[in-house]
Amino acid sequence: MPTNRARLLPCLVLLLMASGCASAGVFLRADGSPGPEKCPEEALKTMRILRMHVSDSADVELDANQIDMSPITLYDGPVESVLYGSLGTLDSATRLYGRVWTSGPLVVVRYYEAKPPDGDTVPICAVARFGDHFKKRPESKPGTAIVDFSNASVFVVDSFR
């Protein structure tokens, strides 16, 4: 005979799914795009040390596996990008690790970690911004976004909106 806890588990799962809770703790809006998210205090501290200020930007290759390709396909889930140019004290060729969401009207890329070529992985908060030429192509299938260019700009943020 199942215990009360065992009976409540399916209800809890359904409640979390209905509330739009993503596996990474990010709530999803009705259109499937990620909702607001705080930048962890550890990342804010690290960015101050690295001289990364809100709105600082640099160019980035969106997917380290699709450099200089056109078009490229981005998939929902983890992404590894490559920084071109410096961002604070992070040098060119630094790897940025984050997550892609393709369900909303626009592709959303949030970065949570950076790994310099000669250093350790550190927490950060940054977003890729695409502009009009990075809207999903109409032939994009669910869970993917076909975009015309492989590069974008990455901007430092103090929270995700």
N, C-alpha and C. Protein backbone atom coordinates (compact mmCIF):
# COMPACT_ATOMS: atom_id res chain seq x y z
N MET A 1 0.84 -1.18 0.00
CA MET A 1 0.00 0.00 0.00
C MET A 1 0.89 1.25 0.00
N PRO A 2 0.66 2.19 -0.95
CA PRO A 2 1.49 3.38 -1.03
C PRO A 2 1.30 4.29 0.18
N THR A 3 2.39 4.93 0.56
CA THR A 3 2.31 5.90 1.65
C THR A 3 1.71 7.20 1.13
N ASN A 4 1.38 8.08 2.07
CA ASN A 4 0.84 9.39 1.66
C ASN A 4 1.84 10.16 0.81
N ARG A 5 3.13 10.06 1.13
CA ARG A 5 4.16 10.75 0.34
C ARG A 5 4.17 10.23 -1.09
N ALA A 6 4.09 8.93 -1.24
CA ALA A 6 4.12 8.32 -2.57
C ALA A 6 2.92 8.77 -3.39
N ARG A 7 1.77 8.95 -2.76
CA ARG A 7 0.58 9.42 -3.47
C ARG A 7 0.70 10.88 -3.87
N LEU A 8 1.41 11.67 -3.08
CA LEU A 8 1.55 13.10 -3.36
C LEU A 8 2.59 13.41 -4.44
N LEU A 9 3.53 12.49 -4.70
CA LEU A 9 4.58 12.75 -5.66
C LEU A 9 4.05 13.07 -7.06
N PRO A 10 3.11 12.31 -7.62
CA PRO A 10 2.59 12.68 -8.95
C PRO A 10 1.93 14.06 -8.94
N CYS A 11 1.26 14.42 -7.86
CA CYS A 11 0.64 15.75 -7.77
C CYS A 11 1.69 16.85 -7.77
N LEU A 12 2.78 16.63 -7.05
CA LEU A 12 3.86 17.61 -7.00
C LEU A 12 4.48 17.79 -8.37
N VAL A 13 4.72 16.70 -9.08
CA VAL A 13 5.29 16.77 -10.43
C VAL A 13 4.36 17.57 -11.35
N LEU A 14 3.07 17.28 -11.32
CA LEU A 14 2.12 18.01 -12.15
C LEU A 14 2.07 19.49 -11.78
N LEU A 15 2.13 19.79 -10.50
CA LEU A 15 2.10 21.18 -10.06
C LEU A 15 3.31 21.94 -10.59
N LEU A 16 4.50 21.34 -10.50
CA LEU A 16 5.70 21.99 -11.00
C LEU A 16 5.65 22.19 -12.50
N MET A 17 5.14 21.20 -13.22
CA MET A 17 5.03 21.31 -14.68
C MET A 17 4.04 22.41 -15.04
N ALA A 18 2.93 22.47 -14.36
CA ALA A 18 1.91 23.46 -14.66
C ALA A 18 2.38 24.87 -14.33
N SER A 19 3.27 25.01 -13.36
CA SER A 19 3.74 26.34 -12.98
C SER A 19 4.83 26.84 -13.90
N GLY A 20 5.29 26.02 -14.84
CA GLY A 20 6.29 26.46 -15.80
C GLY A 20 7.70 26.36 -15.26
N CYS A 21 7.95 25.50 -14.34
CA CYS A 21 9.28 25.37 -13.75
C CYS A 21 10.18 24.57 -14.68
N ALA A 22 11.29 25.18 -15.09
CA ALA A 22 12.25 24.48 -15.93
C ALA A 22 13.20 23.69 -15.04
N SER A 23 13.91 22.77 -15.63
CA SER A 23 14.80 21.91 -14.85
C SER A 23 15.91 22.70 -14.19
N ALA A 24 16.32 23.83 -14.78
CA ALA A 24 17.40 24.63 -14.21
C ALA A 24 16.88 25.63 -13.17
N GLY A 25 15.61 25.56 -12.81
CA GLY A 25 15.06 26.48 -11.84
C GLY A 25 14.57 27.77 -12.46
N VAL A 26 14.50 27.84 -13.77
CA VAL A 26 14.04 29.03 -14.46
C VAL A 26 12.57 28.83 -14.82
N PHE A 27 11.74 29.79 -14.44
CA PHE A 27 10.32 29.70 -14.78
C PHE A 27 10.12 30.15 -16.21
N LEU A 28 9.26 29.45 -16.92
CA LEU A 28 8.99 29.77 -18.31
C LEU A 28 7.72 30.58 -18.44
N ARG A 29 7.75 31.54 -19.34
CA ARG A 29 6.56 32.34 -19.65
C ARG A 29 5.62 31.49 -20.50
N ALA A 30 4.42 32.00 -20.72
CA ALA A 30 3.42 31.26 -21.52
C ALA A 30 3.92 30.95 -22.92
N ASP A 31 4.77 31.83 -23.49
CA ASP A 31 5.27 31.58 -24.85
C ASP A 31 6.48 30.65 -24.89
N GLY A 32 6.93 30.18 -23.72
CA GLY A 32 8.06 29.25 -23.66
C GLY A 32 9.40 29.91 -23.42
N SER A 33 9.45 31.22 -23.42
CA SER A 33 10.71 31.91 -23.15
C SER A 33 10.96 31.95 -21.64
N PRO A 34 12.23 32.05 -21.23
CA PRO A 34 12.53 32.04 -19.80
C PRO A 34 12.10 33.33 -19.11
N GLY A 35 11.65 33.19 -17.89
CA GLY A 35 11.25 34.35 -17.09
C GLY A 35 12.43 34.96 -16.37
N PRO A 36 12.17 35.94 -15.52
CA PRO A 36 13.24 36.61 -14.78
C PRO A 36 14.02 35.64 -13.90
N GLU A 37 15.29 35.97 -13.72
CA GLU A 37 16.17 35.12 -12.92
C GLU A 37 17.25 36.00 -12.30
N LYS A 38 17.50 35.84 -11.02
CA LYS A 38 18.53 36.62 -10.35
C LYS A 38 19.91 36.09 -10.72
N CYS A 39 20.86 37.00 -10.77
CA CYS A 39 22.26 36.62 -10.93
C CYS A 39 22.78 36.25 -9.54
N PRO A 40 23.36 35.07 -9.37
CA PRO A 40 23.84 34.68 -8.04
C PRO A 40 24.90 35.66 -7.51
N GLU A 41 24.90 35.86 -6.21
CA GLU A 41 25.84 36.78 -5.57
C GLU A 41 27.28 36.41 -5.90
N GLU A 42 27.58 35.13 -5.96
CA GLU A 42 28.94 34.68 -6.30
C GLU A 42 29.34 35.15 -7.70
N ALA A 43 28.42 35.11 -8.65
CA ALA A 43 28.71 35.58 -10.00
C ALA A 43 28.91 37.10 -10.00
N LEU A 44 28.08 37.84 -9.27
CA LEU A 44 28.23 39.29 -9.20
C LEU A 44 29.60 39.67 -8.62
N LYS A 45 30.01 38.96 -7.58
CA LYS A 45 31.32 39.21 -6.97
C LYS A 45 32.44 38.89 -7.96
N THR A 46 32.34 37.77 -8.62
CA THR A 46 33.37 37.37 -9.59
C THR A 46 33.46 38.38 -10.73
N MET A 47 32.31 38.86 -11.22
CA MET A 47 32.33 39.83 -12.31
C MET A 47 32.98 41.14 -11.88
N ARG A 48 32.79 41.55 -10.63
CA ARG A 48 33.46 42.76 -10.14
C ARG A 48 34.98 42.56 -10.16
N ILE A 49 35.44 41.40 -9.72
CA ILE A 49 36.87 41.09 -9.70
C ILE A 49 37.43 41.07 -11.13
N LEU A 50 36.64 40.54 -12.07
CA LEU A 50 37.07 40.45 -13.47
C LEU A 50 36.86 41.75 -14.25
N ARG A 51 36.39 42.79 -13.55
CA ARG A 51 36.12 44.11 -14.17
C ARG A 51 35.11 44.00 -15.30
N MET A 52 34.10 43.20 -15.07
CA MET A 52 32.99 43.07 -16.01
C MET A 52 31.83 43.88 -15.46
N HIS A 53 31.42 44.91 -16.20
CA HIS A 53 30.37 45.81 -15.75
C HIS A 53 29.11 45.63 -16.58
N VAL A 54 27.97 45.87 -15.96
CA VAL A 54 26.70 45.74 -16.67
C VAL A 54 26.76 46.57 -17.95
N SER A 55 26.35 45.95 -19.02
CA SER A 55 26.29 46.48 -20.39
C SER A 55 27.62 46.39 -21.13
N ASP A 56 28.72 45.95 -20.49
CA ASP A 56 29.93 45.65 -21.25
C ASP A 56 29.60 44.58 -22.27
N SER A 57 30.23 44.64 -23.43
CA SER A 57 29.89 43.67 -24.47
C SER A 57 31.11 43.24 -25.27
N ALA A 58 30.96 42.15 -25.97
CA ALA A 58 31.99 41.63 -26.88
C ALA A 58 31.27 40.75 -27.90
N ASP A 59 32.01 40.36 -28.92
CA ASP A 59 31.43 39.46 -29.92
C ASP A 59 31.64 38.02 -29.48
N VAL A 60 30.75 37.16 -29.93
CA VAL A 60 30.79 35.76 -29.53
C VAL A 60 30.34 34.89 -30.70
N GLU A 61 30.98 33.75 -30.85
CA GLU A 61 30.48 32.69 -31.74
C GLU A 61 29.50 31.90 -30.90
N LEU A 62 28.28 31.80 -31.37
CA LEU A 62 27.20 31.21 -30.56
C LEU A 62 27.42 29.75 -30.22
N ASP A 63 27.92 28.96 -31.16
CA ASP A 63 28.11 27.53 -30.92
C ASP A 63 29.51 27.14 -31.36
N ALA A 64 30.32 26.70 -30.40
CA ALA A 64 31.71 26.34 -30.69
C ALA A 64 31.81 25.23 -31.74
N ASN A 65 30.74 24.51 -31.98
CA ASN A 65 30.75 23.44 -32.98
C ASN A 65 30.29 23.90 -34.36
N GLN A 66 29.88 25.17 -34.48
CA GLN A 66 29.37 25.67 -35.76
C GLN A 66 29.99 27.03 -36.10
N ILE A 67 31.29 27.18 -35.84
CA ILE A 67 31.97 28.46 -36.06
C ILE A 67 31.99 28.81 -37.54
N ASP A 68 31.65 30.07 -37.83
CA ASP A 68 31.65 30.65 -39.18
C ASP A 68 30.75 29.91 -40.16
N MET A 69 29.75 29.23 -39.67
CA MET A 69 28.79 28.58 -40.56
C MET A 69 27.58 29.49 -40.73
N SER A 70 26.87 29.30 -41.81
CA SER A 70 25.66 30.08 -42.04
C SER A 70 24.73 29.28 -42.95
N PRO A 71 23.51 29.06 -42.51
CA PRO A 71 22.93 29.33 -41.20
C PRO A 71 23.41 28.29 -40.19
N ILE A 72 23.04 28.51 -38.92
CA ILE A 72 23.32 27.51 -37.89
C ILE A 72 22.01 27.13 -37.21
N THR A 73 22.04 25.96 -36.57
CA THR A 73 20.88 25.49 -35.81
C THR A 73 21.26 25.48 -34.34
N LEU A 74 20.50 26.22 -33.54
CA LEU A 74 20.66 26.20 -32.09
C LEU A 74 19.59 25.29 -31.51
N TYR A 75 19.95 24.54 -30.49
CA TYR A 75 19.05 23.58 -29.86
C TYR A 75 18.73 24.02 -28.44
N ASP A 76 17.52 23.72 -27.98
CA ASP A 76 17.18 23.95 -26.58
C ASP A 76 18.18 23.22 -25.71
N GLY A 77 18.67 23.89 -24.68
CA GLY A 77 19.58 23.23 -23.75
C GLY A 77 20.94 23.90 -23.70
N PRO A 78 21.93 23.15 -23.23
CA PRO A 78 23.26 23.71 -23.01
C PRO A 78 23.92 24.17 -24.32
N VAL A 79 24.77 25.21 -24.19
CA VAL A 79 25.53 25.69 -25.34
C VAL A 79 26.91 26.11 -24.87
N GLU A 80 27.89 25.89 -25.72
CA GLU A 80 29.26 26.35 -25.49
C GLU A 80 29.58 27.35 -26.59
N SER A 81 29.88 28.58 -26.19
CA SER A 81 30.19 29.64 -27.13
C SER A 81 31.65 30.06 -26.97
N VAL A 82 32.16 30.82 -27.95
CA VAL A 82 33.55 31.27 -27.92
C VAL A 82 33.57 32.79 -28.00
N LEU A 83 34.27 33.41 -27.06
CA LEU A 83 34.38 34.86 -27.00
C LEU A 83 35.42 35.34 -28.00
N TYR A 84 35.05 36.38 -28.77
CA TYR A 84 35.99 37.08 -29.65
C TYR A 84 36.22 38.46 -29.05
N GLY A 85 37.45 38.78 -28.76
CA GLY A 85 37.73 40.04 -28.10
C GLY A 85 37.68 39.85 -26.60
N SER A 86 37.93 40.92 -25.88
CA SER A 86 37.96 40.81 -24.42
C SER A 86 36.66 41.30 -23.82
N LEU A 87 36.36 40.76 -22.66
CA LEU A 87 35.19 41.14 -21.88
C LEU A 87 35.67 41.25 -20.44
N GLY A 88 35.86 42.49 -19.97
CA GLY A 88 36.54 42.68 -18.69
C GLY A 88 37.96 42.16 -18.84
N THR A 89 38.38 41.31 -17.93
CA THR A 89 39.72 40.71 -18.04
C THR A 89 39.69 39.35 -18.74
N LEU A 90 38.53 38.92 -19.21
CA LEU A 90 38.45 37.68 -19.98
C LEU A 90 38.97 37.94 -21.39
N ASP A 91 39.89 37.10 -21.84
CA ASP A 91 40.50 37.27 -23.15
C ASP A 91 39.72 36.56 -24.24
N SER A 92 40.08 36.89 -25.46
CA SER A 92 39.53 36.19 -26.62
C SER A 92 39.79 34.69 -26.48
N ALA A 93 38.91 33.89 -27.00
CA ALA A 93 38.96 32.42 -26.96
C ALA A 93 38.44 31.86 -25.63
N THR A 94 38.00 32.73 -24.71
CA THR A 94 37.34 32.25 -23.50
C THR A 94 36.07 31.53 -23.91
N ARG A 95 35.80 30.40 -23.29
CA ARG A 95 34.57 29.65 -23.54
C ARG A 95 33.49 30.17 -22.60
N LEU A 96 32.30 30.36 -23.15
CA LEU A 96 31.14 30.75 -22.35
C LEU A 96 30.16 29.60 -22.36
N TYR A 97 29.67 29.24 -21.18
CA TYR A 97 28.74 28.12 -21.06
C TYR A 97 27.39 28.64 -20.57
N GLY A 98 26.36 28.21 -21.25
CA GLY A 98 25.04 28.69 -20.89
C GLY A 98 23.95 27.79 -21.41
N ARG A 99 22.79 28.40 -21.63
CA ARG A 99 21.60 27.66 -22.03
C ARG A 99 20.85 28.44 -23.10
N VAL A 100 20.26 27.69 -24.04
CA VAL A 100 19.46 28.25 -25.13
C VAL A 100 18.01 27.86 -24.94
N TRP A 101 17.11 28.81 -25.17
CA TRP A 101 15.67 28.55 -25.22
C TRP A 101 15.18 28.96 -26.61
N THR A 102 14.45 28.09 -27.27
CA THR A 102 13.98 28.38 -28.63
C THR A 102 12.46 28.44 -28.73
N SER A 103 11.75 28.21 -27.66
CA SER A 103 10.29 28.10 -27.71
C SER A 103 9.56 29.41 -27.92
N GLY A 104 10.12 30.50 -27.46
CA GLY A 104 9.45 31.79 -27.59
C GLY A 104 9.61 32.36 -28.99
N PRO A 105 9.17 33.59 -29.17
CA PRO A 105 9.25 34.22 -30.48
C PRO A 105 10.69 34.50 -30.93
N LEU A 106 11.59 34.68 -29.96
CA LEU A 106 13.00 34.92 -30.25
C LEU A 106 13.85 33.90 -29.52
N VAL A 107 15.05 33.66 -30.04
CA VAL A 107 15.99 32.79 -29.36
C VAL A 107 16.54 33.53 -28.14
N VAL A 108 16.63 32.84 -27.01
CA VAL A 108 17.20 33.43 -25.79
C VAL A 108 18.42 32.60 -25.40
N VAL A 109 19.56 33.29 -25.19
CA VAL A 109 20.78 32.62 -24.73
C VAL A 109 21.26 33.34 -23.48
N ARG A 110 21.38 32.58 -22.39
CA ARG A 110 21.91 33.10 -21.13
C ARG A 110 23.18 32.34 -20.80
N TYR A 111 24.20 33.10 -20.37
CA TYR A 111 25.48 32.50 -20.00
C TYR A 111 25.65 32.55 -18.49
N TYR A 112 26.10 31.43 -17.93
CA TYR A 112 26.26 31.29 -16.48
C TYR A 112 27.71 31.06 -16.05
N GLU A 113 28.57 30.67 -16.99
CA GLU A 113 29.96 30.38 -16.66
C GLU A 113 30.88 30.81 -17.80
N ALA A 114 32.14 31.12 -17.43
CA ALA A 114 33.18 31.43 -18.40
C ALA A 114 34.42 30.64 -18.03
N LYS A 115 35.12 30.16 -19.07
CA LYS A 115 36.39 29.45 -18.84
C LYS A 115 37.46 30.04 -19.74
N PRO A 116 38.33 30.87 -19.14
CA PRO A 116 39.43 31.43 -19.92
C PRO A 116 40.35 30.31 -20.42
N PRO A 117 41.08 30.55 -21.53
CA PRO A 117 41.96 29.50 -22.07
C PRO A 117 42.98 28.99 -21.06
N ASP A 118 43.43 29.86 -20.15
CA ASP A 118 44.47 29.46 -19.20
C ASP A 118 43.99 29.54 -17.75
N GLY A 119 42.69 29.39 -17.53
CA GLY A 119 42.18 29.56 -16.17
C GLY A 119 41.08 28.58 -15.82
N ASP A 120 40.53 28.80 -14.65
CA ASP A 120 39.45 27.96 -14.14
C ASP A 120 38.10 28.53 -14.56
N THR A 121 37.08 27.69 -14.54
CA THR A 121 35.72 28.11 -14.84
C THR A 121 35.22 28.99 -13.70
N VAL A 122 34.59 30.12 -14.08
CA VAL A 122 34.08 31.08 -13.09
C VAL A 122 32.62 31.40 -13.40
N PRO A 123 31.84 31.74 -12.38
CA PRO A 123 30.44 32.10 -12.62
C PRO A 123 30.31 33.52 -13.17
N ILE A 124 29.42 33.70 -14.12
CA ILE A 124 29.13 35.02 -14.68
C ILE A 124 27.63 35.10 -14.98
N CYS A 125 27.17 36.27 -15.37
CA CYS A 125 25.81 36.44 -15.89
C CYS A 125 25.92 37.30 -17.14
N ALA A 126 25.51 36.75 -18.27
CA ALA A 126 25.57 37.48 -19.53
C ALA A 126 24.50 36.91 -20.46
N VAL A 127 24.14 37.71 -21.46
CA VAL A 127 23.15 37.27 -22.45
C VAL A 127 23.67 37.55 -23.84
N ALA A 128 23.24 36.74 -24.79
CA ALA A 128 23.53 37.01 -26.20
C ALA A 128 22.39 37.87 -26.73
N ARG A 129 22.75 38.87 -27.49
CA ARG A 129 21.74 39.72 -28.13
C ARG A 129 21.99 39.63 -29.62
N PHE A 130 20.89 39.46 -30.34
CA PHE A 130 21.01 39.14 -31.75
C PHE A 130 20.62 40.27 -32.69
N GLY A 131 19.63 41.03 -32.36
CA GLY A 131 19.08 42.01 -33.30
C GLY A 131 18.11 41.32 -34.25
N ASP A 132 17.59 42.07 -35.18
CA ASP A 132 16.57 41.54 -36.09
C ASP A 132 17.04 40.40 -36.97
N HIS A 133 18.32 40.38 -37.32
CA HIS A 133 18.77 39.32 -38.23
C HIS A 133 18.96 37.98 -37.54
N PHE A 134 18.63 37.88 -36.25
CA PHE A 134 18.73 36.62 -35.53
C PHE A 134 17.38 36.06 -35.11
N LYS A 135 16.35 36.46 -35.77
CA LYS A 135 15.05 35.84 -35.52
C LYS A 135 15.11 34.42 -36.09
N LYS A 136 14.33 33.56 -35.50
CA LYS A 136 14.28 32.18 -35.98
C LYS A 136 13.72 32.15 -37.40
N ARG A 137 14.29 31.30 -38.21
CA ARG A 137 13.73 31.09 -39.54
C ARG A 137 12.42 30.31 -39.41
N PRO A 138 11.49 30.55 -40.32
CA PRO A 138 10.19 29.87 -40.24
C PRO A 138 10.29 28.35 -40.30
N GLU A 139 11.31 27.82 -40.94
CA GLU A 139 11.45 26.36 -41.04
C GLU A 139 12.04 25.70 -39.79
N SER A 140 12.28 26.48 -38.73
CA SER A 140 12.78 25.92 -37.48
C SER A 140 11.76 24.96 -36.89
N LYS A 141 12.22 23.79 -36.51
CA LYS A 141 11.35 22.79 -35.89
C LYS A 141 11.29 23.03 -34.38
N PRO A 142 10.29 22.48 -33.70
CA PRO A 142 10.20 22.63 -32.24
C PRO A 142 11.50 22.16 -31.56
N GLY A 143 11.97 22.95 -30.61
CA GLY A 143 13.20 22.62 -29.90
C GLY A 143 14.46 23.10 -30.59
N THR A 144 14.29 23.75 -31.74
CA THR A 144 15.44 24.26 -32.48
C THR A 144 15.16 25.68 -32.98
N ALA A 145 16.22 26.36 -33.32
CA ALA A 145 16.10 27.66 -33.96
C ALA A 145 17.18 27.75 -35.03
N ILE A 146 16.76 27.88 -36.26
CA ILE A 146 17.70 28.11 -37.34
C ILE A 146 17.86 29.62 -37.46
N VAL A 147 19.11 30.10 -37.33
CA VAL A 147 19.40 31.52 -37.43
C VAL A 147 20.43 31.73 -38.54
N ASP A 148 20.41 32.91 -39.12
CA ASP A 148 21.22 33.17 -40.31
C ASP A 148 22.71 33.29 -40.05
N PHE A 149 23.11 33.72 -38.87
CA PHE A 149 24.53 33.97 -38.61
C PHE A 149 24.99 33.22 -37.37
N SER A 150 26.30 32.90 -37.33
CA SER A 150 26.85 32.14 -36.21
C SER A 150 27.36 33.03 -35.09
N ASN A 151 27.39 34.35 -35.30
CA ASN A 151 27.92 35.22 -34.25
C ASN A 151 26.87 36.19 -33.74
N ALA A 152 27.16 36.74 -32.58
CA ALA A 152 26.26 37.69 -31.93
C ALA A 152 27.10 38.55 -30.99
N SER A 153 26.45 39.37 -30.22
CA SER A 153 27.11 40.13 -29.16
C SER A 153 26.67 39.55 -27.83
N VAL A 154 27.58 39.53 -26.87
CA VAL A 154 27.26 39.09 -25.53
C VAL A 154 27.38 40.30 -24.62
N PHE A 155 26.38 40.47 -23.72
CA PHE A 155 26.33 41.60 -22.82
C PHE A 155 26.30 41.11 -21.38
N VAL A 156 27.07 41.77 -20.52
CA VAL A 156 27.08 41.47 -19.09
C VAL A 156 25.79 42.03 -18.48
N VAL A 157 25.16 41.24 -17.61
CA VAL A 157 23.95 41.67 -16.92
C VAL A 157 24.08 41.39 -15.43
N ASP A 158 23.24 42.05 -14.63
CA ASP A 158 23.23 41.77 -13.18
C ASP A 158 22.02 40.95 -12.78
N SER A 159 21.12 40.72 -13.74
CA SER A 159 19.99 39.80 -13.57
C SER A 159 19.44 39.53 -14.96
N PHE A 160 18.70 38.44 -15.07
CA PHE A 160 18.09 38.08 -16.35
C PHE A 160 16.63 38.50 -16.29
N ARG A 161 16.16 39.14 -17.35
CA ARG A 161 14.79 39.68 -17.36
C ARG A 161 13.93 39.03 -18.39
